[in-house]
Each structure stands twice: as C-alpha cells, then as structure tokens.
Amino acid sequence: MPPTLTTEVADRVHRLEHAHVNVYLVEDGGRVLLVDTGLPRAWDLIGRALRELGRRPADVAAVALTHAHFDHTGTAARAQGRLGVSVWAHPDDFFIARHPYRYAHENLRAVYPLRYPASLGILAAMMRAGALRVPGVDGLVPYPGEGPLDLPGTPRVVLTPGHTVGHVALHLPERDAVISGDALVTLDPYTGHTGPQIVAGAATADSGQALASLDRLATTGASVVLPGHGAPWNAGVRSAVELARERGAH
C-alpha cells in the first residue's frame, strides 16, 4: 500500500501513513513537532511530507514519542543525529528505545498470523519498511510527568500505560485532538481488525492496564483521535473508548 500524507487531520496536524504506521507532524509558528517516527523507510517520506507542507528539515523542533516500540522509533536515531533534535519519551520506555526488540508482551507473537490471517499483509508491509532493522536510540529527554510541554502545539502529556509501561498520549487541547499512539488504535497490526481497540497481547505488556488507561484518554474529551495505527477517529474520544472497552483484549 502506497504511503499517504493526509493534510489537516486536525488543526495544523498532518498524518503520514506508511506501512500501516502513522507519523504525525504538528505545525506551530513555522516549527514542526514529529510525533512518533515510523519505520526506517519512512525517513525519506517524512522529508517529502515536510516539503509538501512548505517546511524544511531545519523546521523540525523535536520528536515526541508516544512509546518506544520499534515501529514508532524507526527513524528517531536518524532524526536525533542528522537534524540535531531532542527526542522525548517517558523514562519507563528508555530501555525499549535502546533495545528495540526487547519489550514485554503478554502473548506469543508467532501464533497471531495463523490465528488472524488478515494480519499477514500488514506485517509483511512492516517488514519491507525495515521492521527488522531498527536502530536503538539513546540520550532521550524525559517527559516531566503529565501536563503541557514547551513544544510545537503545546501538547499535554497523558499517562496511558499498558501497551508499554511508559506509554503516553499527547493531547492537543487547542486543536481538539488527542494523539493516542497505541493506547487506542483503529487498526491492530496483529489481528487485522479495524475500529477502536487496544492492541493485541502480541505487543501489549498488560492488556488490563491498557483497558484501564482508556479512562485517561476519555477525560481529554477530544473530538478527534489520532491513533498509531489506522485512520483517524472523528466521532469523539469517548465513543472510541466505549467501543474499545466493548471489544476488550485479544
């Protein structure tokens, strides 16, 4: 599936989708915040997206990670080295950032393609995009707890552990949107299921905690949910959370 850049999924928030993984570009006063960085082969596409927006690599102010799984940190080390930008994350995910393939998950991953054949094409696309060749990234800047950050868009950190121990969502109150990362997705790469849900236990550390963290997402009251995988959800975060709770864990 070809990469797509969708402009204005929320006010001055742009979505780059590549290999079923989303990268968000948040514009503010000529500066750009990258939220998550996709897989390694997304690097050139991020550059193209910046050009389409009339921006340059020098306009990237920082990278903010919702969590440190390999499909969200694939170009983080490159951005850090080539652009000289800071990469922000929750301290509890620093270890995963350094060691992309050493992360906790509840269930055996190998059974998922057999049980959910719809995932095969998704996982193959991720492999082609460099899922097995993600470098670790170190020297991260820790989020200072919950609350606003002095970054483009003034995102507010919302703690949403479960998918990883240090997972966060980034609420953009002035844009009426929340970037949910993998705390709530509309496409699960491990099952191929669409619609609001948490990610399967193949990649989630604690599904019970992930379901409990949906309450924190709901409190943002955002009209638009921007997930780590899948299309934006425009019917409000509370409806997305309700549907994800109904679906439960896999």
Foldseek 3Di string as FASTA:
>chain_A
DDWDWDPPPWVQWIWIAALQFIWIWHDDPQATEIEFDFAQLCVVVVQVNQVVVVHHLLRYAAYEYLAQARRRCRCVQVNCPVNVHAYEFAPQRQVCLQVNVDAAFDDALVCLCVVAVLLVSSVVRSVVRHSPPGHHHHPHDYDPPFQFDPHRLRWTWFQQAWLGNGGTKTARLVRLEIAREQLWAQAASSRRHGATAHHARNRTRHQVSSLVSLVSVQVSFRQWYHYRGDDIDRRTSVVSSVVHVVVGHD
